[in-house]
N, C-alpha and C. Protein backbone atom coordinates (compact mmCIF):
# COMPACT_ATOMS: atom_id res chain seq x y z
N MET A 1 43.72 -5.68 50.69
CA MET A 1 43.94 -4.87 49.39
C MET A 1 45.05 -5.69 49.24
N ILE A 2 45.95 -6.65 48.45
CA ILE A 2 47.05 -7.44 48.04
C ILE A 2 48.28 -6.00 47.26
N TYR A 3 48.92 -5.52 48.19
CA TYR A 3 50.14 -4.49 47.11
C TYR A 3 51.25 -5.12 47.26
N PRO A 4 51.12 -5.10 45.72
CA PRO A 4 51.99 -6.07 44.19
C PRO A 4 53.88 -5.55 45.09
N THR A 5 53.85 -7.28 45.33
CA THR A 5 55.76 -7.30 45.32
C THR A 5 56.00 -7.98 44.07
N PRO A 6 57.02 -8.30 44.02
CA PRO A 6 56.94 -8.82 42.95
C PRO A 6 56.96 -10.59 43.24
N ASP A 7 56.57 -11.18 43.97
CA ASP A 7 55.97 -12.36 43.50
C ASP A 7 54.96 -11.95 43.31
N ASN A 8 53.48 -11.48 43.40
CA ASN A 8 52.62 -10.96 43.42
C ASN A 8 51.84 -10.71 42.57
N ARG A 9 52.81 -9.79 41.69
CA ARG A 9 52.45 -7.93 40.78
C ARG A 9 51.84 -8.61 39.19
N GLN A 10 52.21 -10.23 38.55
CA GLN A 10 51.56 -10.77 37.72
C GLN A 10 49.55 -11.25 37.48
N ASN A 11 49.89 -11.29 39.10
CA ASN A 11 48.33 -10.78 39.59
C ASN A 11 47.11 -9.85 39.73
N GLN A 12 47.88 -8.16 39.62
CA GLN A 12 47.68 -6.78 39.86
C GLN A 12 47.42 -6.51 38.16
N PRO A 13 46.47 -6.00 38.35
CA PRO A 13 46.32 -4.67 38.04
C PRO A 13 47.31 -4.33 36.89
N ASN A 14 46.99 -3.39 35.45
CA ASN A 14 48.53 -2.96 34.53
C ASN A 14 48.71 -2.17 35.67
N PRO A 15 49.68 -1.41 35.91
CA PRO A 15 49.58 0.27 36.71
C PRO A 15 50.45 0.94 35.69
N THR A 16 50.84 0.57 34.27
CA THR A 16 51.28 2.19 33.15
C THR A 16 49.82 1.99 32.47
N LYS A 17 48.63 1.46 32.77
CA LYS A 17 47.97 1.02 32.04
C LYS A 17 46.62 1.41 32.16
N PRO A 18 46.40 3.66 32.13
CA PRO A 18 45.34 4.39 33.22
C PRO A 18 44.06 3.43 32.77
N THR A 19 42.67 3.48 33.76
CA THR A 19 41.64 3.09 33.73
C THR A 19 40.81 4.72 34.32
N THR A 20 39.91 4.42 33.47
CA THR A 20 38.92 5.75 33.21
C THR A 20 37.34 5.26 34.64
N PRO A 21 37.00 5.97 35.33
CA PRO A 21 36.52 5.22 36.10
C PRO A 21 35.21 5.57 35.03
N THR A 22 34.08 5.02 34.81
CA THR A 22 33.24 6.29 34.64
C THR A 22 31.93 7.10 35.45
N ASN A 23 31.44 7.65 35.18
CA ASN A 23 30.74 8.72 36.05
C ASN A 23 30.04 9.82 35.54
N PRO A 24 28.59 8.08 35.50
CA PRO A 24 27.42 8.89 34.77
C PRO A 24 26.87 10.42 34.95
N TYR A 25 27.23 11.08 35.77
CA TYR A 25 26.58 12.06 36.60
C TYR A 25 26.74 13.02 34.96
N GLN A 26 25.60 13.97 34.69
CA GLN A 26 26.42 15.09 34.32
C GLN A 26 25.96 16.08 34.32
N PRO A 27 27.62 16.59 34.84
CA PRO A 27 26.76 19.36 36.16
C PRO A 27 25.79 19.62 34.40
N PRO A 28 25.43 20.52 35.00
CA PRO A 28 25.57 21.32 34.24
C PRO A 28 26.72 22.17 33.71
N THR A 29 26.36 23.28 32.67
CA THR A 29 27.86 23.79 31.97
C THR A 29 27.93 24.92 31.88
N ASN A 30 28.24 25.94 31.87
CA ASN A 30 28.21 27.64 31.19
C ASN A 30 27.29 27.85 32.24
N MET A 31 27.74 28.20 33.96
CA MET A 31 27.56 28.62 34.99
C MET A 31 27.86 29.49 34.71
N THR A 32 27.13 30.25 34.76
CA THR A 32 27.54 31.97 35.50
C THR A 32 28.15 32.19 36.92
N LYS A 33 28.65 33.11 36.72
CA LYS A 33 29.57 33.49 38.29
C LYS A 33 28.70 33.72 39.66
N GLU A 34 27.42 34.14 39.14
CA GLU A 34 26.27 34.62 40.01
C GLU A 34 25.62 33.73 40.45
N GLU A 35 24.98 32.89 39.47
CA GLU A 35 24.39 31.77 38.69
C GLU A 35 25.18 30.62 40.77
N ARG A 36 26.63 30.95 40.24
CA ARG A 36 27.31 29.78 41.10
C ARG A 36 27.44 30.09 42.41
N MET A 37 27.48 32.18 42.63
CA MET A 37 27.01 31.94 43.90
C MET A 37 25.36 31.82 44.43
N ALA A 38 24.98 31.98 43.97
CA ALA A 38 23.34 31.90 44.23
C ALA A 38 23.16 30.49 44.68
N LYS A 39 23.49 29.43 44.20
CA LYS A 39 23.98 27.74 44.00
C LYS A 39 24.06 27.68 45.35
N ALA A 40 25.35 28.05 45.62
CA ALA A 40 26.38 28.11 46.91
C ALA A 40 25.45 28.48 47.58
N MET A 41 24.88 30.28 47.91
CA MET A 41 23.51 30.27 48.94
C MET A 41 22.65 29.46 49.63
N ASP A 42 22.27 28.60 48.36
CA ASP A 42 21.21 27.52 48.77
C ASP A 42 21.23 26.43 48.78
N LEU A 43 22.93 26.16 48.47
CA LEU A 43 23.72 24.73 49.37
C LEU A 43 23.75 25.28 51.16
N ARG A 44 24.19 26.61 51.39
CA ARG A 44 24.45 26.60 52.66
C ARG A 44 23.32 27.02 53.42
N ARG A 45 21.73 27.84 52.85
CA ARG A 45 21.28 27.16 53.53
C ARG A 45 20.63 26.13 53.86
N GLN A 46 21.26 24.75 52.90
CA GLN A 46 20.50 23.73 53.42
C GLN A 46 21.50 22.63 54.82
N GLY A 47 22.40 23.91 54.63
CA GLY A 47 23.06 23.01 55.72
C GLY A 47 24.87 22.84 55.05
N TYR A 48 25.31 23.35 54.44
CA TYR A 48 26.81 22.62 53.52
C TYR A 48 27.64 23.55 54.95
N ASN A 49 28.78 23.51 54.65
CA ASN A 49 29.58 23.87 55.15
C ASN A 49 30.41 24.48 53.56
N CYS A 50 31.14 25.48 54.21
CA CYS A 50 31.86 26.70 53.59
C CYS A 50 33.14 25.41 52.12
N ALA A 51 33.03 24.80 52.60
CA ALA A 51 34.03 24.08 51.27
C ALA A 51 32.95 22.82 50.18
N GLN A 52 31.90 22.56 51.11
CA GLN A 52 31.17 21.66 50.79
C GLN A 52 30.94 23.32 49.29
N ALA A 53 30.21 24.22 50.08
CA ALA A 53 29.16 24.60 48.86
C ALA A 53 30.19 25.58 47.36
N VAL A 54 32.09 25.67 48.14
CA VAL A 54 32.51 26.52 47.00
C VAL A 54 32.63 24.76 45.71
N LEU A 55 32.77 23.76 46.75
CA LEU A 55 33.56 22.25 46.23
C LEU A 55 32.28 21.78 44.37
N MET A 56 30.79 22.24 45.55
CA MET A 56 29.49 21.74 44.93
C MET A 56 29.08 22.67 43.64
N VAL A 57 29.62 23.45 44.01
CA VAL A 57 28.97 24.48 42.24
C VAL A 57 29.99 24.29 41.60
N PHE A 58 31.43 23.93 41.37
CA PHE A 58 31.88 23.82 40.73
C PHE A 58 31.74 22.00 39.51
N ASP A 59 30.31 21.46 39.64
CA ASP A 59 31.06 19.71 39.83
C ASP A 59 31.14 20.28 37.95
N ASP A 60 31.16 21.08 37.35
CA ASP A 60 31.07 20.75 35.89
C ASP A 60 32.80 20.36 35.96
N VAL A 61 33.55 21.27 36.74
CA VAL A 61 35.04 21.47 36.65
C VAL A 61 35.74 20.09 37.27
N THR A 62 35.06 19.18 38.34
CA THR A 62 35.41 18.14 38.91
C THR A 62 34.85 17.03 37.73
N GLY A 63 34.10 17.59 37.65
CA GLY A 63 33.32 15.49 37.25
C GLY A 63 32.79 15.27 38.95
N PHE A 64 32.70 15.47 39.52
CA PHE A 64 31.57 15.06 40.95
C PHE A 64 30.00 15.57 41.10
N ASP A 65 29.94 14.10 41.62
CA ASP A 65 28.19 14.81 40.91
C ASP A 65 27.94 14.97 42.63
N PRO A 66 26.93 15.32 43.09
CA PRO A 66 27.57 15.88 44.30
C PRO A 66 27.15 15.55 45.48
N GLU A 67 27.00 14.52 45.26
CA GLU A 67 27.37 13.26 47.03
C GLU A 67 28.37 13.05 47.20
N THR A 68 29.02 13.26 46.41
CA THR A 68 30.86 12.80 46.48
C THR A 68 30.56 14.10 46.07
N ALA A 69 31.01 15.11 46.52
CA ALA A 69 31.83 16.27 46.73
C ALA A 69 31.17 16.74 48.17
N ALA A 70 29.84 16.27 48.22
CA ALA A 70 29.62 16.78 49.40
C ALA A 70 30.77 16.18 50.25
N ARG A 71 30.98 14.91 50.06
CA ARG A 71 31.41 13.94 51.36
C ARG A 71 32.90 14.48 51.46
N LEU A 72 33.59 14.45 50.44
CA LEU A 72 35.25 14.38 50.14
C LEU A 72 35.15 16.01 50.99
N SER A 73 34.41 16.84 50.89
CA SER A 73 34.49 17.64 51.78
C SER A 73 33.60 18.23 52.88
N SER A 74 33.32 17.02 53.49
CA SER A 74 32.02 16.86 54.65
C SER A 74 33.52 18.14 55.31
N GLY A 75 34.39 17.17 56.14
CA GLY A 75 35.02 17.32 56.90
C GLY A 75 35.49 18.78 57.20
N LEU A 76 35.28 19.75 55.82
CA LEU A 76 36.42 20.28 55.51
C LEU A 76 36.07 22.20 55.69
N GLY A 77 35.26 21.72 56.38
CA GLY A 77 34.77 23.32 57.33
C GLY A 77 35.02 23.92 58.80
N THR A 78 34.93 24.81 58.98
CA THR A 78 34.83 25.87 60.05
C THR A 78 36.61 25.92 60.41
N GLY A 79 37.29 26.03 59.46
CA GLY A 79 38.88 26.50 58.99
C GLY A 79 38.82 24.42 59.18
N VAL A 80 39.14 24.32 58.66
CA VAL A 80 39.53 21.85 58.47
C VAL A 80 39.51 21.61 59.05
N GLY A 81 38.18 20.88 59.75
CA GLY A 81 37.96 20.14 60.86
C GLY A 81 37.49 20.92 61.97
N GLY A 82 36.41 21.76 62.42
CA GLY A 82 36.79 23.04 63.40
C GLY A 82 37.74 24.11 63.74
N SER A 83 38.74 23.07 63.14
CA SER A 83 40.07 24.16 64.22
C SER A 83 39.88 25.46 63.66
N ARG A 84 39.50 26.00 62.82
CA ARG A 84 39.52 27.41 62.80
C ARG A 84 41.03 28.06 61.88
N GLU A 85 41.81 26.72 61.76
CA GLU A 85 42.63 26.94 60.98
C GLU A 85 42.00 27.25 58.78
N LEU A 86 43.07 26.64 57.97
CA LEU A 86 42.41 27.16 56.48
C LEU A 86 40.67 27.54 56.64
N CYS A 87 41.20 28.39 56.18
CA CYS A 87 39.35 29.01 55.70
C CYS A 87 38.59 27.72 54.54
N GLY A 88 38.10 26.98 54.99
CA GLY A 88 37.14 26.52 53.79
C GLY A 88 36.70 27.20 52.76
N ALA A 89 36.49 27.91 52.22
CA ALA A 89 36.45 28.09 51.06
C ALA A 89 37.28 28.06 50.69
N VAL A 90 39.02 28.50 50.93
CA VAL A 90 40.14 28.50 49.53
C VAL A 90 40.48 27.12 50.50
N VAL A 91 39.99 26.63 50.90
CA VAL A 91 40.00 24.83 50.53
C VAL A 91 39.57 24.53 49.71
N GLY A 92 37.83 24.99 49.38
CA GLY A 92 37.00 24.01 48.62
C GLY A 92 38.01 25.48 46.81
N MET A 93 37.69 25.69 46.66
CA MET A 93 38.23 26.53 45.67
C MET A 93 40.31 25.99 45.57
N ALA A 94 40.49 25.45 46.55
CA ALA A 94 42.01 24.69 45.55
C ALA A 94 41.70 23.44 45.55
N LEU A 95 40.49 22.60 46.56
CA LEU A 95 40.41 20.62 45.24
C LEU A 95 39.66 20.93 44.70
N THR A 96 38.80 21.87 44.17
CA THR A 96 38.79 22.63 42.68
C THR A 96 39.52 22.79 41.82
N GLU A 97 40.96 23.62 41.44
CA GLU A 97 41.25 24.05 40.36
C GLU A 97 42.22 22.51 40.98
N SER A 98 42.40 22.49 41.79
CA SER A 98 43.27 21.08 41.68
C SER A 98 42.83 19.91 40.21
N CYS A 99 41.61 19.84 40.29
CA CYS A 99 40.54 18.80 39.73
C CYS A 99 40.89 19.42 38.34
N ARG A 100 41.42 20.33 38.16
CA ARG A 100 41.91 20.68 36.67
C ARG A 100 43.25 20.61 36.12
N HIS A 101 43.75 19.64 36.93
CA HIS A 101 45.52 19.25 36.89
C HIS A 101 45.48 17.16 36.84
N GLY A 102 46.29 17.24 36.25
CA GLY A 102 46.54 15.26 36.20
C GLY A 102 46.45 15.30 37.81
N ALA A 103 46.69 13.20 37.97
CA ALA A 103 46.69 12.86 38.80
C ALA A 103 48.24 12.21 39.32
N ALA A 104 49.26 12.83 38.07
CA ALA A 104 50.83 12.15 38.77
C ALA A 104 51.90 12.96 39.08
N PRO A 105 52.82 12.60 39.07
CA PRO A 105 53.87 13.42 40.84
C PRO A 105 53.11 14.82 39.76
N ALA A 106 54.19 14.20 39.05
CA ALA A 106 54.87 14.65 37.13
C ALA A 106 53.60 16.74 37.10
N ASP A 107 52.54 16.17 37.74
CA ASP A 107 51.32 17.53 37.65
C ASP A 107 51.66 18.17 38.83
N LYS A 108 51.91 17.28 39.89
CA LYS A 108 51.62 18.69 40.87
C LYS A 108 52.59 19.79 41.10
N ALA A 109 53.25 20.62 40.52
CA ALA A 109 53.86 21.05 40.21
C ALA A 109 52.81 22.13 39.54
N GLY A 110 51.95 22.23 38.50
CA GLY A 110 51.50 23.34 38.17
C GLY A 110 50.69 23.19 39.10
N ALA A 111 49.72 22.18 39.73
CA ALA A 111 48.45 22.22 40.38
C ALA A 111 48.95 23.21 41.78
N MET A 112 50.04 22.84 42.41
CA MET A 112 50.53 24.09 44.04
C MET A 112 50.68 24.96 42.56
N LYS A 113 51.32 25.77 42.09
CA LYS A 113 51.37 26.74 41.30
C LYS A 113 49.85 28.08 41.10
N ALA A 114 49.02 26.71 40.36
CA ALA A 114 47.72 27.44 40.89
C ALA A 114 46.77 27.82 41.58
N VAL A 115 46.68 27.01 42.02
CA VAL A 115 46.35 27.08 43.16
C VAL A 115 47.18 27.75 44.48
N GLY A 116 48.41 27.77 44.66
CA GLY A 116 48.75 29.10 45.18
C GLY A 116 48.90 30.59 44.60
N ALA A 117 48.45 31.27 43.09
CA ALA A 117 48.07 32.45 42.79
C ALA A 117 46.52 32.56 43.34
N LEU A 118 45.36 31.52 43.01
CA LEU A 118 44.14 31.22 43.96
C LEU A 118 44.61 31.47 44.87
N THR A 119 45.04 31.46 45.40
CA THR A 119 45.02 31.48 47.37
C THR A 119 46.01 32.73 47.03
N ASP A 120 47.14 32.98 46.52
CA ASP A 120 47.55 34.71 46.44
C ASP A 120 46.36 36.15 46.16
N ARG A 121 45.41 34.96 45.67
CA ARG A 121 44.29 36.30 45.55
C ARG A 121 42.82 36.58 45.96
N PHE A 122 42.96 35.39 47.26
CA PHE A 122 41.77 35.41 48.38
C PHE A 122 42.60 35.96 49.58
N LYS A 123 44.34 36.26 49.75
CA LYS A 123 44.69 37.21 50.80
C LYS A 123 44.55 37.98 50.65
N GLU A 124 44.59 38.82 49.22
CA GLU A 124 44.68 40.28 48.50
C GLU A 124 43.86 40.95 48.76
N LEU A 125 42.63 39.73 49.33
CA LEU A 125 40.98 40.44 49.18
C LEU A 125 40.42 40.25 50.45
N ASN A 126 41.46 39.83 51.80
CA ASN A 126 41.20 39.84 52.69
C ASN A 126 42.24 40.28 53.79
N GLY A 127 43.04 41.14 53.30
CA GLY A 127 44.54 41.45 54.38
C GLY A 127 44.99 40.55 54.68
N GLY A 128 46.12 39.27 53.33
CA GLY A 128 46.55 38.38 54.12
C GLY A 128 46.23 37.50 54.54
N ALA A 129 45.45 37.62 54.99
CA ALA A 129 44.17 36.31 55.56
C ALA A 129 43.95 35.01 55.18
N VAL A 130 44.28 33.87 55.64
CA VAL A 130 43.48 32.59 55.19
C VAL A 130 42.61 31.97 56.32
N ARG A 131 43.13 32.06 57.53
CA ARG A 131 42.91 31.51 58.73
C ARG A 131 41.38 31.94 58.88
N CYS A 132 40.85 30.41 59.03
CA CYS A 132 39.57 30.98 59.09
C CYS A 132 38.99 31.66 61.31
N ALA A 133 40.40 31.71 61.31
CA ALA A 133 39.81 31.89 62.50
C ALA A 133 40.19 34.32 62.57
N ASP A 134 40.92 34.29 61.62
CA ASP A 134 41.74 36.04 62.03
C ASP A 134 40.55 35.93 60.60
N LEU A 135 40.52 35.66 59.94
CA LEU A 135 39.05 36.30 59.60
C LEU A 135 38.10 36.35 60.33
N LYS A 136 37.38 35.48 60.73
CA LYS A 136 36.79 36.18 61.90
C LYS A 136 36.56 35.95 63.32
N GLY A 137 38.02 36.44 63.26
CA GLY A 137 38.33 36.80 64.75
C GLY A 137 38.71 37.74 65.22
N VAL A 138 38.05 38.61 64.52
CA VAL A 138 38.01 41.26 63.99
C VAL A 138 36.96 40.83 63.56
N PRO A 139 36.07 41.42 64.57
CA PRO A 139 34.72 43.02 64.74
C PRO A 139 35.07 42.84 62.44
N GLY A 140 34.10 43.03 62.29
CA GLY A 140 33.56 43.79 60.85
C GLY A 140 34.50 43.13 59.85
N LYS A 141 35.27 41.56 59.92
CA LYS A 141 35.84 41.18 59.28
C LYS A 141 34.11 40.42 58.58
N ALA A 142 34.39 39.47 57.55
CA ALA A 142 34.08 39.28 56.24
C ALA A 142 33.01 38.17 56.81
N PRO A 143 31.41 37.85 56.59
CA PRO A 143 31.00 36.52 57.29
C PRO A 143 31.50 35.69 56.12
N CYS A 144 31.14 34.23 56.52
CA CYS A 144 31.49 33.17 55.35
C CYS A 144 30.46 32.97 54.62
N ASN A 145 29.11 33.61 54.86
CA ASN A 145 28.89 33.58 53.27
C ASN A 145 29.39 34.52 51.95
N ASP A 146 30.27 35.77 52.31
CA ASP A 146 30.96 36.70 51.36
C ASP A 146 32.36 35.76 51.61
N LEU A 147 32.90 35.21 52.05
CA LEU A 147 34.24 34.31 52.21
C LEU A 147 33.54 33.38 50.56
N ILE A 148 32.33 32.47 50.86
CA ILE A 148 32.41 31.22 49.41
C ILE A 148 32.35 32.27 48.45
N CYS A 149 31.93 33.43 48.20
CA CYS A 149 31.40 34.11 47.21
C CYS A 149 32.65 34.33 46.63
N GLN A 150 33.95 35.15 47.68
CA GLN A 150 34.67 35.12 46.63
C GLN A 150 35.77 34.59 46.18
N ALA A 151 35.40 32.98 47.38
CA ALA A 151 36.20 31.94 46.46
C ALA A 151 35.82 31.61 45.29
N ILE A 152 34.19 31.73 44.56
CA ILE A 152 33.69 30.92 43.81
C ILE A 152 33.41 31.72 42.75
N GLY A 153 33.74 33.91 43.53
CA GLY A 153 34.49 35.00 41.57
C GLY A 153 35.98 34.87 41.84
N ILE A 154 37.32 33.91 42.28
CA ILE A 154 37.87 33.73 42.67
C ILE A 154 38.60 32.96 41.32
N MET A 155 37.64 31.85 41.80
CA MET A 155 37.46 29.76 41.06
C MET A 155 37.09 30.68 39.47
N HIS A 156 36.00 31.13 39.56
CA HIS A 156 35.22 31.44 38.96
C HIS A 156 35.91 32.49 37.73
N ASP A 157 36.62 33.07 37.88
CA ASP A 157 37.11 34.69 37.07
C ASP A 157 38.27 33.79 36.48
N SER A 158 39.07 32.74 37.08
CA SER A 158 40.65 32.27 36.39
C SER A 158 39.88 30.80 35.01
N LEU A 159 39.02 30.52 36.39
CA LEU A 159 38.60 30.15 34.84
C LEU A 159 38.46 30.14 33.47
N GLU A 160 37.69 31.20 33.25
CA GLU A 160 37.54 32.33 32.89
C GLU A 160 38.44 32.72 31.36
N ALA A 161 39.54 33.69 32.49
CA ALA A 161 40.63 34.07 32.24
C ALA A 161 41.56 32.49 31.25
N GLN A 162 41.58 31.72 31.22
CA GLN A 162 42.34 30.58 30.82
C GLN A 162 41.86 29.26 29.70
N GLN A 163 39.75 30.34 29.07
CA GLN A 163 39.45 29.80 28.39
C GLN A 163 40.12 30.16 26.99
């Protein structure tokens, strides 16, 4: 790829003219919270990680086809890359919410505020924890599937509240 410089800018696409890629994928619409959770549990049985399970059930929000959503989030499970840091269910929720906001730098503040509010709600339900190691490291803590359903519930409730 040639990066634009003053010498070669005339040969580059106009960066001020937005281009919208055509996506022929038509996701299902009007899924209930319970349908999203059931779909996520089916994805888990198929071997998808927590981030994938959350992101893939909100295809009506993101516009991502299943393969794109699965690829985007494939390395984000088990606390992001297996590091046991930020819970993959929270990451999937954050990616979903981010897709609801514009891509321009000016849209970043709104996206960050909204993702922060969703993350705060997840923390409230989990004793302040969002780290996979903290969520999974103590006996009696919620299994991953429960955390996935929590993230889906939080995201779904947020969507309904904003309709």
